[in-house]
Amino acid sequence: MNIWILTIGSSDVQLESDKINREKGLTEKQRSHKVWSEWYDEAIKEECHDILFVPKQSYNESDESYRIEARVVGTVYESSSLKVQDEIWSYLTFPLLDNFVREFKISHPDAIAIILTDQSEIFKDNKARRKPKCAYWQDTCKLEPILKRYFQDKFPEAKCEPIFLSPTSADKGLDDWNYVLDLVRQKLRTFKFDGKEIKNEEIKTVYVSHQAGTPAISSAVQFVTLARFRNNVEFLVSNEYNLETRKIPRSTYLGAIQLQEAQALLERYDYAGVRDILGLTKIAQNNPKEKRIKDLLDAGEQWNFAEFQKFKKILADRKLLPVHNFPWYQSGFESIYLAWVRFEQGSTVDALFHSFRAAEGSMIKWAEKRYSSQITKEGDPDYNRKYGPQLRFSICKELPGYLNALSPAMQTNFRDRGNIGLYGVSLYELLKQARPDWQNHPDIKTVWEVASKQRNNDFHRIEGLQESEVFKAWATDNSTDWKKRILGCINFIAQEEDRFQEFTSLEEASLMAKVHNELVEAIAPNNFQT
């Protein structure tokens, strides 16, 4: 199905020029501007608040058509008898519409949606309507019967439906860009012809003529039709004066909108969304620039899922960044940066989850590196998949103070089972026994003194979290101090490495921050062509 969507302006329906009248053999009294007074009788004039609306020309030239306010033309036609309607019809001319129609020589539209305006709700006051220049009189809603007749004559098989833009607030009329965009988006969300809704998959081509109406309407129609129909859109534009009509490639419009949408998605760290909207799901292998962007977005998608090993693998395998030295502690830095991103996105529960997970997860990785022989691993006879990594009782020989650091109940359980779960208190005490310098480090001690307890309380509530609760869980008062604290924790754990140098910011510590910055640059308007 082919659909034609077009806006209608107040000058799209006109009365024939004197030259045309003469060519038809009409007398002086039968000229458009003279016979108008017969149609615009006293009864209709009264309906139009006794305003003397008369046909006008801009340049007073014989070959120039006469114009009259759109609502008035429609009211006169609608109020007249069928015989008079036929007479009025014989005088009407449609310069812009005729230009468009000529473009449909091969394929005709199956359905036509005409966008009309009706500002009666914001011009209810008769005082406003009594002014001839009131925008109320420029409304095109009353042209509906004329336009339906026109399109029925040109495309007998096509269905024709009006779409009315009817603002309800005087503060937000048809010149308000944001308001009109919402209005058009709402009206074009679905299409119904003869009561039947038309699905996107039924549509082959959507022709769009958006020149008429206010600039806000024209812009909104462009944006909404492209956003909904994308590659199925063809734009028809015409010049009223030289009768030239041409098609503008959808790519000219769509490319700019797609790039804007992609940049907005990138600001929200929606890497999969950026990839899809830029059409990079599948790309030609001979385009190295686009391939690199796609690979970076693929890596970002895995990072968003907190799949940091998969993130690393993509970076390494596809040679995107020098990650040959992706140390055991790097996942912890990625996790705290992810916590910050989630916080910026307003997802405070995720922010707390990822920040605590970064700390405890990094401790586990530290333990697995330092005490590998003392920790059960998958494949070991004493490994229990249900409980995950377990610390063997033999650790007490390396760290004599470890057993007494546990509670009496935990000590008994440790002796009886021969191992203990590597999480919570047993994990914290392992770090404390191995790294006595924790006592002089206010950031790391916050993990077990405050964060673990607060985490348990917050995660057992089926509610959201206030930002202040995230800060409180880490014994901080604001986002700046919270970022410093979680960074300080991972810096402390990573100091196990002799050559490790502390990071001073989350962005410096995270590889994803570098990937993100490269993507921002790569899809900047001057660098990326859609």
Protein backbone atom coordinates (compact mmCIF):
# COMPACT_ATOMS: atom_id res chain seq x y z
CA MET A 1 0.00 0.00 0.00
CA ASN A 2 1.17 3.51 -0.86
CA ILE A 3 0.11 6.35 1.44
CA TRP A 4 0.34 10.07 0.75
CA ILE A 5 0.53 12.34 3.79
CA LEU A 6 0.23 16.03 3.07
CA THR A 7 -0.24 19.22 4.99
CA ILE A 8 -2.72 21.78 3.70
CA GLY A 9 -2.10 25.51 3.85
CA SER A 10 -4.57 28.37 3.82
CA SER A 11 -3.68 29.22 0.21
CA ASP A 12 -3.85 25.72 -1.25
CA VAL A 13 -7.43 26.27 -2.41
CA GLN A 14 -7.84 29.40 -4.54
CA LEU A 15 -10.23 31.02 -6.99
CA GLU A 16 -9.31 31.15 -10.65
CA SER A 17 -7.56 34.16 -12.15
CA ASP A 18 -9.14 36.69 -14.51
CA LYS A 19 -7.10 35.23 -17.36
CA ILE A 20 -8.56 31.77 -16.81
CA ASN A 21 -12.03 33.24 -16.51
CA ARG A 22 -11.64 34.96 -19.88
CA GLU A 23 -10.31 31.80 -21.49
CA LYS A 24 -13.45 30.06 -20.28
CA GLY A 25 -15.56 32.72 -21.98
CA LEU A 26 -16.91 34.19 -18.74
CA THR A 27 -18.16 37.76 -18.63
CA GLU A 28 -16.83 40.48 -16.36
CA LYS A 29 -19.69 39.85 -13.92
CA GLN A 30 -18.84 36.17 -13.86
CA ARG A 31 -15.24 36.73 -12.76
CA SER A 32 -14.19 34.98 -9.55
CA HIS A 33 -13.99 38.08 -7.40
CA LYS A 34 -17.41 39.26 -8.63
CA VAL A 35 -19.40 36.07 -8.32
CA TRP A 36 -17.99 35.53 -4.84
CA SER A 37 -20.43 38.06 -3.40
CA GLU A 38 -23.32 35.86 -4.60
CA TRP A 39 -22.03 32.86 -2.67
CA TYR A 40 -20.98 34.83 0.40
CA ASP A 41 -24.50 35.89 1.21
CA GLU A 42 -25.81 37.63 4.31
CA ALA A 43 -26.56 34.38 6.17
CA ILE A 44 -23.03 33.06 5.73
CA LYS A 45 -21.58 36.50 6.40
CA GLU A 46 -23.43 36.57 9.71
CA GLU A 47 -21.97 33.16 10.54
CA CYS A 48 -18.57 34.73 9.86
CA HIS A 49 -19.19 37.53 12.40
CA ASP A 50 -20.24 39.99 9.65
CA ILE A 51 -16.67 40.31 8.40
CA LEU A 52 -16.49 41.36 4.75
CA PHE A 53 -14.15 38.67 3.40
CA VAL A 54 -13.32 39.35 -0.25
CA PRO A 55 -11.00 37.55 -2.70
CA LYS A 56 -7.60 39.21 -3.01
CA GLN A 57 -4.57 39.08 -5.26
CA SER A 58 -1.04 39.79 -4.09
CA TYR A 59 0.11 41.61 -7.24
CA ASN A 60 -3.15 42.49 -9.05
CA GLU A 61 -2.07 40.68 -12.19
CA SER A 62 -4.60 39.09 -14.56
CA ASP A 63 -2.99 35.66 -14.45
CA GLU A 64 -2.85 35.60 -10.66
CA SER A 65 -5.38 33.50 -8.74
CA TYR A 66 -7.56 34.99 -6.04
CA ARG A 67 -7.11 34.00 -2.43
CA ILE A 68 -9.61 33.92 0.37
CA GLU A 69 -9.29 32.78 3.99
CA ALA A 70 -9.42 28.97 4.10
CA ARG A 71 -12.08 28.64 6.81
CA VAL A 72 -14.31 31.07 4.92
CA VAL A 73 -13.98 29.23 1.58
CA GLY A 74 -14.84 25.98 3.30
CA THR A 75 -17.76 27.49 5.17
CA VAL A 76 -19.23 28.97 1.99
CA TYR A 77 -18.91 25.68 0.12
CA GLU A 78 -20.27 23.60 2.99
CA SER A 79 -23.27 25.91 3.52
CA SER A 80 -24.28 26.04 -0.13
CA SER A 81 -26.71 23.86 -2.07
CA LEU A 82 -25.36 21.08 -4.30
CA LYS A 83 -25.99 23.22 -7.35
CA VAL A 84 -24.05 26.17 -5.91
CA GLN A 85 -21.30 23.81 -4.72
CA ASP A 86 -20.86 22.67 -8.31
CA GLU A 87 -20.66 26.28 -9.42
CA ILE A 88 -18.08 27.09 -6.73
CA TRP A 89 -16.14 23.96 -7.71
CA SER A 90 -15.87 25.16 -11.28
CA TYR A 91 -14.03 28.26 -10.07
CA LEU A 92 -11.59 26.56 -7.69
CA THR A 93 -7.93 25.98 -8.50
CA PHE A 94 -5.33 23.97 -6.61
CA PRO A 95 -1.87 25.07 -7.80
CA LEU A 96 0.32 23.16 -5.32
CA LEU A 97 -1.84 20.06 -5.21
CA ASP A 98 -1.94 19.89 -9.00
CA ASN A 99 1.85 19.92 -9.06
CA PHE A 100 2.00 17.02 -6.64
CA VAL A 101 -0.60 15.01 -8.49
CA ARG A 102 1.46 15.14 -11.68
CA GLU A 103 4.17 13.17 -9.88
CA PHE A 104 1.83 10.18 -9.54
CA LYS A 105 1.89 9.20 -13.18
CA ILE A 106 2.94 5.60 -12.61
CA SER A 107 2.02 4.60 -9.06
CA HIS A 108 -1.04 6.18 -7.46
CA PRO A 109 -1.57 6.51 -3.71
CA ASP A 110 -3.91 3.92 -2.23
CA ALA A 111 -4.70 6.15 0.72
CA ILE A 112 -4.37 9.88 1.37
CA ALA A 113 -4.08 11.50 4.80
CA ILE A 114 -4.70 15.25 4.71
CA ILE A 115 -3.50 17.21 7.74
CA LEU A 116 -5.88 20.04 8.60
CA THR A 117 -5.88 22.61 11.37
CA ASP A 118 -8.68 23.65 13.72
CA GLN A 119 -7.93 26.34 16.32
CA SER A 120 -11.52 26.86 17.41
CA GLU A 121 -10.70 25.76 20.98
CA ILE A 122 -8.09 28.47 21.47
CA PHE A 123 -10.15 31.17 19.73
CA LYS A 124 -13.47 30.66 21.49
CA ASP A 125 -13.91 34.34 22.23
CA ASN A 126 -16.08 36.08 19.63
CA LYS A 127 -14.00 39.21 20.15
CA ALA A 128 -10.96 37.43 18.74
CA ARG A 129 -12.93 35.90 15.89
CA ARG A 130 -14.25 39.29 14.82
CA LYS A 131 -10.72 40.23 13.74
CA PRO A 132 -10.18 39.36 10.06
CA LYS A 133 -6.50 38.61 10.66
CA CYS A 134 -7.20 36.17 13.48
CA ALA A 135 -5.46 32.82 12.85
CA TYR A 136 -8.84 31.16 13.32
CA TRP A 137 -9.82 32.16 9.79
CA GLN A 138 -6.69 30.57 8.33
CA ASP A 139 -7.70 27.13 9.63
CA THR A 140 -8.05 24.50 6.93
CA CYS A 141 -10.51 22.15 8.67
CA LYS A 142 -13.49 23.48 6.72
CA LEU A 143 -11.79 22.58 3.45
CA GLU A 144 -12.36 18.88 4.12
CA PRO A 145 -15.32 18.38 1.72
CA ILE A 146 -13.56 20.32 -1.04
CA LEU A 147 -10.35 18.32 -0.65
CA LYS A 148 -12.15 15.00 -0.53
CA ARG A 149 -13.89 15.90 -3.77
CA TYR A 150 -10.58 16.92 -5.31
CA PHE A 151 -8.80 13.68 -4.42
CA GLN A 152 -11.80 11.57 -5.37
CA ASP A 153 -11.63 13.17 -8.79
CA LYS A 154 -7.87 12.63 -9.16
CA PHE A 155 -7.60 9.18 -7.53
CA PRO A 156 -11.03 7.50 -7.60
CA GLU A 157 -9.75 4.31 -5.96
CA ALA A 158 -7.90 6.00 -3.11
CA LYS A 159 -9.24 6.28 0.41
CA CYS A 160 -9.05 9.76 1.90
CA GLU A 161 -9.06 10.62 5.59
CA PRO A 162 -8.52 13.96 7.37
CA ILE A 163 -6.19 14.31 10.34
CA PHE A 164 -7.11 17.30 12.49
CA LEU A 165 -4.53 19.22 14.50
CA SER A 166 -6.64 20.88 17.17
CA PRO A 167 -4.66 22.68 19.89
CA THR A 168 -6.50 23.17 23.17
CA SER A 169 -4.24 25.67 24.92
CA ALA A 170 -3.78 29.28 23.84
CA ASP A 171 -0.30 29.18 25.41
CA LYS A 172 0.73 26.33 23.12
CA GLY A 173 -0.63 26.92 19.65
CA LEU A 174 0.43 25.72 16.23
CA ASP A 175 3.61 27.81 16.36
CA ASP A 176 4.92 26.00 19.45
CA TRP A 177 7.45 23.51 18.08
CA ASN A 178 7.49 21.08 21.00
CA TYR A 179 3.73 21.10 21.42
CA VAL A 180 3.10 20.58 17.71
CA LEU A 181 5.65 17.75 17.60
CA ASP A 182 3.77 15.94 20.38
CA LEU A 183 0.46 16.63 18.64
CA VAL A 184 1.63 15.30 15.28
CA ARG A 185 3.32 12.31 16.90
CA GLN A 186 0.04 11.44 18.61
CA LYS A 187 -2.03 11.86 15.44
CA LEU A 188 0.32 9.85 13.24
CA ARG A 189 0.81 7.04 15.70
CA THR A 190 -1.85 5.02 13.88
CA PHE A 191 -3.54 5.24 10.50
CA LYS A 192 -7.18 4.33 9.97
CA PHE A 193 -8.87 4.37 6.61
CA ASP A 194 -12.55 3.40 6.46
CA GLY A 195 -12.24 2.42 10.12
CA LYS A 196 -9.45 -0.08 9.50
CA GLU A 197 -6.03 0.45 11.04
CA ILE A 198 -3.10 0.18 8.63
CA LYS A 199 -0.04 -1.65 9.96
CA ASN A 200 3.51 -0.61 9.07
CA GLU A 201 4.18 -3.91 7.34
CA GLU A 202 1.30 -3.21 4.93
CA ILE A 203 2.89 0.02 3.75
CA LYS A 204 5.22 0.07 0.76
CA THR A 205 5.87 3.79 0.33
CA VAL A 206 4.83 6.86 2.32
CA TYR A 207 4.87 10.03 0.23
CA VAL A 208 5.14 13.15 2.36
CA SER A 209 4.34 16.71 1.29
CA HIS A 210 5.00 18.87 4.33
CA GLN A 211 5.45 22.39 2.97
CA ALA A 212 2.07 23.85 3.90
CA GLY A 213 1.05 25.01 7.35
CA THR A 214 3.21 26.61 10.03
CA PRO A 215 6.96 25.89 10.17
CA ALA A 216 6.32 23.92 13.36
CA ILE A 217 3.82 21.66 11.57
CA SER A 218 6.12 21.16 8.59
CA SER A 219 9.07 20.22 10.79
CA ALA A 220 6.99 17.91 12.97
CA VAL A 221 5.56 16.04 9.99
CA GLN A 222 9.07 15.52 8.59
CA PHE A 223 10.40 14.23 11.88
CA VAL A 224 7.52 11.96 12.82
CA THR A 225 7.13 10.35 9.39
CA LEU A 226 10.85 9.63 9.22
CA ALA A 227 10.92 8.27 12.75
CA ARG A 228 8.02 5.93 12.06
CA PHE A 229 8.49 4.92 8.41
CA ARG A 230 12.21 5.58 7.87
CA ASN A 231 13.35 4.03 4.58
CA ASN A 232 9.80 3.87 3.22
CA VAL A 233 9.49 7.67 3.01
CA GLU A 234 9.61 9.75 -0.18
CA PHE A 235 9.34 13.54 0.09
CA LEU A 236 7.41 15.50 -2.53
CA VAL A 237 8.11 19.23 -2.61
CA SER A 238 6.87 21.80 -5.08
CA ASN A 239 7.28 25.43 -5.98
CA GLU A 240 4.01 27.30 -6.25
CA TYR A 241 5.39 29.85 -8.69
CA ASN A 242 7.46 27.96 -11.26
CA LEU A 243 5.44 24.74 -10.95
CA GLU A 244 8.56 22.66 -10.40
CA THR A 245 8.02 19.54 -8.32
CA ARG A 246 10.80 17.28 -7.14
CA LYS A 247 11.58 14.45 -4.81
CA ILE A 248 14.11 14.88 -2.05
CA PRO A 249 15.95 11.69 -1.03
CA ARG A 250 14.88 10.45 2.37
CA SER A 251 18.55 9.97 3.25
CA THR A 252 18.99 13.74 3.39
CA TYR A 253 16.47 13.92 6.22
CA LEU A 254 16.84 10.47 7.72
CA GLY A 255 20.60 10.53 8.01
CA ALA A 256 20.58 13.69 10.13
CA ILE A 257 17.79 12.40 12.36
CA GLN A 258 19.43 8.99 12.77
CA LEU A 259 22.68 10.61 13.80
CA GLN A 260 20.90 12.81 16.35
CA GLU A 261 19.12 9.78 17.76
CA ALA A 262 22.38 7.82 17.86
CA GLN A 263 24.11 10.60 19.76
CA ALA A 264 21.24 10.76 22.24
CA LEU A 265 21.44 7.00 22.75
CA LEU A 266 25.20 7.21 23.23
CA GLU A 267 24.69 9.80 25.96
CA ARG A 268 22.58 7.15 27.73
CA TYR A 269 25.26 4.49 27.13
CA ASP A 270 22.87 2.47 24.97
CA TYR A 271 25.51 0.93 22.74
CA ALA A 272 23.25 -1.71 21.19
CA GLY A 273 20.73 1.03 20.35
CA VAL A 274 23.41 3.14 18.65
CA ARG A 275 24.58 0.16 16.60
CA ASP A 276 21.05 -0.68 15.46
CA ILE A 277 19.93 2.83 14.59
CA LEU A 278 23.08 3.46 12.53
CA GLY A 279 22.54 0.21 10.67
CA LEU A 280 25.83 -1.29 11.86
CA THR A 281 24.43 -4.67 12.84
CA LYS A 282 25.83 -5.97 9.56
CA ILE A 283 28.43 -3.97 7.68
CA ALA A 284 30.67 -4.43 4.71
CA GLN A 285 34.07 -5.74 5.70
CA ASN A 286 35.73 -3.29 3.31
CA ASN A 287 34.73 -0.33 5.47
CA PRO A 288 37.30 -0.37 8.29
CA LYS A 289 35.99 2.79 9.94
CA GLU A 290 32.44 1.46 10.32
CA LYS A 291 33.76 -1.96 11.33
CA ARG A 292 35.75 -0.42 14.16
CA ILE A 293 32.72 1.56 15.36
CA LYS A 294 30.61 -1.62 15.30
CA ASP A 295 33.28 -3.55 17.22
CA LEU A 296 33.51 -0.83 19.86
CA LEU A 297 29.71 -0.84 20.21
CA ASP A 298 29.73 -4.63 20.52
CA ALA A 299 32.26 -4.31 23.33
CA GLY A 300 30.17 -1.62 24.99
CA GLU A 301 27.10 -3.83 24.85
CA GLN A 302 28.91 -6.58 26.79
CA TRP A 303 30.20 -4.02 29.28
CA ASN A 304 26.64 -2.84 29.86
CA PHE A 305 25.77 -6.44 30.81
CA ALA A 306 28.72 -6.42 33.27
CA GLU A 307 30.28 -9.16 31.12
CA PHE A 308 33.75 -7.75 31.59
CA GLN A 309 35.64 -10.81 30.37
CA LYS A 310 33.62 -10.80 27.14
CA PHE A 311 34.26 -7.05 26.93
CA LYS A 312 38.00 -7.72 27.27
CA LYS A 313 37.88 -10.52 24.69
CA ILE A 314 36.28 -8.29 22.03
CA LEU A 315 38.83 -5.53 22.67
CA ALA A 316 41.71 -7.97 22.46
CA ASP A 317 40.56 -10.25 19.65
CA ARG A 318 39.55 -7.38 17.39
CA LYS A 319 42.64 -5.33 18.29
CA LEU A 320 40.64 -2.30 19.36
CA LEU A 321 42.73 -1.25 22.37
CA PRO A 322 46.05 -2.50 23.77
CA VAL A 323 44.58 -4.74 26.46
CA HIS A 324 47.31 -7.38 26.54
CA ASN A 325 47.76 -6.30 30.13
CA PHE A 326 44.16 -6.72 31.31
CA PRO A 327 45.10 -7.49 34.93
CA TRP A 328 43.01 -9.44 37.40
CA TYR A 329 41.83 -6.25 39.10
CA GLN A 330 40.58 -4.51 35.93
CA SER A 331 37.05 -5.91 36.24
CA GLY A 332 36.75 -4.15 39.58
CA PHE A 333 37.52 -0.78 38.00
CA GLU A 334 35.05 -1.47 35.18
CA SER A 335 32.39 -2.36 37.76
CA ILE A 336 32.76 0.86 39.75
CA TYR A 337 32.63 2.88 36.54
CA LEU A 338 29.46 0.99 35.61
CA ALA A 339 28.11 1.87 39.07
CA TRP A 340 28.76 5.54 38.34
CA VAL A 341 27.10 5.34 34.91
CA ARG A 342 24.02 3.71 36.44
CA PHE A 343 23.94 6.43 39.09
CA GLU A 344 24.06 9.11 36.38
CA GLN A 345 21.17 7.32 34.66
CA GLY A 346 19.12 7.52 37.86
CA SER A 347 19.30 3.79 38.59
CA THR A 348 20.41 4.03 42.21
CA VAL A 349 19.70 0.36 43.05
CA ASP A 350 22.01 -0.76 40.24
CA ALA A 351 24.58 1.82 41.31
CA LEU A 352 24.72 0.38 44.82
CA PHE A 353 24.75 -3.19 43.51
CA HIS A 354 27.64 -2.67 41.10
CA SER A 355 29.68 -0.62 43.58
CA PHE A 356 29.47 -3.28 46.28
CA ARG A 357 29.93 -6.08 43.78
CA ALA A 358 33.10 -4.36 42.56
CA ALA A 359 34.58 -4.34 46.06
CA GLU A 360 33.70 -7.89 47.09
CA GLY A 361 34.33 -9.32 43.60
CA SER A 362 37.78 -7.71 43.52
CA MET A 363 38.58 -9.21 46.92
CA ILE A 364 37.71 -12.66 45.59
CA LYS A 365 39.96 -12.16 42.56
CA TRP A 366 42.74 -10.98 44.88
CA ALA A 367 42.31 -14.10 47.05
CA GLU A 368 42.28 -16.40 44.03
CA LYS A 369 45.53 -14.86 42.83
CA ARG A 370 47.37 -14.78 46.17
CA TYR A 371 46.08 -17.99 47.71
CA SER A 372 45.34 -20.07 44.64
CA SER A 373 46.38 -23.36 46.26
CA GLN A 374 44.13 -22.66 49.27
CA ILE A 375 40.94 -22.10 47.26
CA THR A 376 38.80 -24.81 45.69
CA LYS A 377 38.30 -24.44 41.98
CA GLU A 378 36.04 -26.12 39.48
CA GLY A 379 37.54 -29.56 38.77
CA ASP A 380 38.99 -30.03 42.28
CA PRO A 381 37.62 -33.05 44.21
CA ASP A 382 36.47 -30.83 47.07
CA TYR A 383 34.85 -28.18 44.83
CA ASN A 384 31.12 -27.65 45.42
CA ARG A 385 29.39 -25.86 42.55
CA LYS A 386 26.48 -24.96 44.83
CA TYR A 387 28.66 -22.87 47.14
CA GLY A 388 31.23 -21.60 44.66
CA PRO A 389 34.88 -20.99 45.64
CA GLN A 390 35.73 -22.27 49.12
CA LEU A 391 38.70 -21.43 51.31
CA ARG A 392 40.46 -24.58 52.59
CA PHE A 393 41.21 -25.03 56.29
CA SER A 394 44.90 -25.28 55.45
CA ILE A 395 44.93 -21.47 55.08
CA CYS A 396 45.33 -21.36 58.84
CA LYS A 397 48.95 -22.52 58.44
CA GLU A 398 49.76 -19.51 56.24
CA LEU A 399 47.67 -17.09 58.30
CA PRO A 400 47.68 -18.34 61.92
CA GLY A 401 45.46 -15.51 63.10
CA TYR A 402 42.72 -16.18 60.56
CA LEU A 403 40.78 -18.85 62.49
CA ASN A 404 40.50 -16.79 65.67
CA ALA A 405 39.31 -13.80 63.64
CA LEU A 406 36.12 -15.74 62.84
CA SER A 407 33.17 -16.12 65.19
CA PRO A 408 33.01 -19.30 67.31
CA ALA A 409 30.21 -20.71 65.17
CA MET A 410 32.16 -20.07 61.97
CA GLN A 411 35.28 -21.64 63.49
CA THR A 412 33.37 -24.84 64.36
CA ASN A 413 31.82 -25.03 60.89
CA PHE A 414 35.24 -24.42 59.29
CA ARG A 415 36.86 -27.25 61.25
CA ASP A 416 34.00 -29.67 60.60
CA ARG A 417 33.71 -29.07 56.85
CA GLY A 418 37.32 -28.37 56.10
CA ASN A 419 36.46 -25.30 54.05
CA ILE A 420 34.44 -22.10 54.23
CA GLY A 421 32.66 -19.93 51.65
CA LEU A 422 34.77 -17.18 50.15
CA TYR A 423 32.37 -14.28 50.72
CA GLY A 424 31.20 -11.95 53.46
CA VAL A 425 32.99 -12.10 56.82
CA SER A 426 35.27 -15.01 55.86
CA LEU A 427 36.48 -13.02 52.83
CA TYR A 428 36.90 -9.76 54.75
CA GLU A 429 38.90 -11.43 57.52
CA LEU A 430 41.15 -13.07 54.95
CA LEU A 431 42.02 -9.67 53.48
CA LYS A 432 42.48 -8.14 56.94
CA GLN A 433 44.87 -10.91 58.05
CA ALA A 434 46.87 -10.76 54.83
CA ARG A 435 46.87 -6.97 54.53
CA PRO A 436 47.18 -5.41 57.99
CA ASP A 437 47.62 -2.02 56.32
CA TRP A 438 43.81 -1.94 55.99
CA GLN A 439 43.66 -0.35 59.43
CA ASN A 440 45.14 2.84 58.02
CA HIS A 441 42.88 2.86 54.96
CA PRO A 442 39.46 4.46 55.61
CA ASP A 443 38.04 3.44 52.22
CA ILE A 444 38.51 -0.33 52.39
CA LYS A 445 37.33 -0.70 55.99
CA THR A 446 34.04 0.93 54.94
CA VAL A 447 33.24 -2.27 52.98
CA TRP A 448 32.74 -4.41 56.09
CA GLU A 449 32.03 -1.74 58.68
CA VAL A 450 29.23 0.00 56.78
CA ALA A 451 28.57 -1.04 53.17
CA SER A 452 27.98 -4.77 53.72
CA LYS A 453 25.43 -4.12 56.47
CA GLN A 454 23.65 -1.37 54.58
CA ARG A 455 23.69 -3.46 51.40
CA ASN A 456 21.87 -6.29 53.16
CA ASN A 457 19.24 -3.92 54.52
CA ASP A 458 18.64 -2.15 51.20
CA PHE A 459 18.57 -5.26 49.02
CA HIS A 460 15.87 -6.89 51.12
CA ARG A 461 13.49 -4.00 50.44
CA ILE A 462 11.36 -4.11 47.29
CA GLU A 463 11.68 -0.37 46.79
CA GLY A 464 13.91 2.11 45.07
CA LEU A 465 16.73 4.00 46.72
CA GLN A 466 17.29 7.68 47.17
CA GLU A 467 20.68 9.03 46.12
CA SER A 468 21.39 9.84 49.74
CA GLU A 469 20.93 6.17 50.62
CA VAL A 470 23.61 5.17 48.12
CA PHE A 471 25.99 7.67 49.70
CA LYS A 472 25.06 6.55 53.20
CA ALA A 473 25.80 2.91 52.32
CA TRP A 474 29.40 3.97 51.75
CA ALA A 475 29.57 6.44 54.66
CA THR A 476 29.66 9.46 52.34
CA ASP A 477 27.46 12.51 51.85
CA ASN A 478 27.69 13.28 48.14
CA SER A 479 28.53 11.83 44.75
CA THR A 480 32.07 13.23 44.70
CA ASP A 481 33.02 11.55 47.98
CA TRP A 482 31.20 8.35 46.99
CA LYS A 483 33.22 8.11 43.76
CA LYS A 484 36.46 8.69 45.67
CA ARG A 485 35.56 6.01 48.20
CA ILE A 486 34.71 3.22 45.77
CA LEU A 487 37.79 4.10 43.70
CA GLY A 488 39.91 4.04 46.85
CA CYS A 489 38.65 0.54 47.68
CA ILE A 490 39.68 -0.97 44.35
CA ASN A 491 42.97 0.94 44.40
CA PHE A 492 43.74 -0.63 47.79
CA ILE A 493 42.96 -4.16 46.62
CA ALA A 494 44.97 -3.71 43.40
CA GLN A 495 48.06 -2.65 45.37
CA GLU A 496 48.86 -6.37 45.60
CA GLU A 497 50.68 -5.76 42.32
CA ASP A 498 54.14 -4.28 42.85
CA ARG A 499 54.00 -2.06 39.77
CA PHE A 500 50.44 -0.88 40.29
CA GLN A 501 49.96 2.89 40.29
CA GLU A 502 46.79 4.24 41.84
CA PHE A 503 44.17 5.77 39.56
CA THR A 504 42.90 9.22 40.38
CA SER A 505 39.49 9.00 38.67
CA LEU A 506 36.96 6.42 37.52
CA GLU A 507 37.40 7.56 33.92
CA GLU A 508 41.17 7.06 34.09
CA ALA A 509 40.72 3.58 35.58
CA SER A 510 38.10 2.26 33.13
CA LEU A 511 38.81 1.01 29.63
CA MET A 512 35.13 1.55 28.81
CA ALA A 513 35.56 5.27 29.42
CA LYS A 514 38.20 5.30 26.67
CA VAL A 515 35.96 3.25 24.35
CA HIS A 516 33.06 5.63 25.01
CA ASN A 517 35.14 8.73 24.26
CA GLU A 518 36.30 7.21 20.99
CA LEU A 519 32.70 6.47 20.02
CA VAL A 520 31.62 10.04 20.82
CA GLU A 521 34.30 11.32 18.47
CA ALA A 522 33.62 8.67 15.81
CA ILE A 523 29.91 9.49 15.36
CA ALA A 524 30.26 13.26 15.60
CA PRO A 525 28.44 14.92 12.63
CA ASN A 526 31.69 15.87 10.91
CA ASN A 527 33.12 12.36 11.20
CA PHE A 528 30.28 9.98 10.43
CA GLN A 529 28.19 9.87 7.27
CA THR A 530 24.87 8.01 7.44
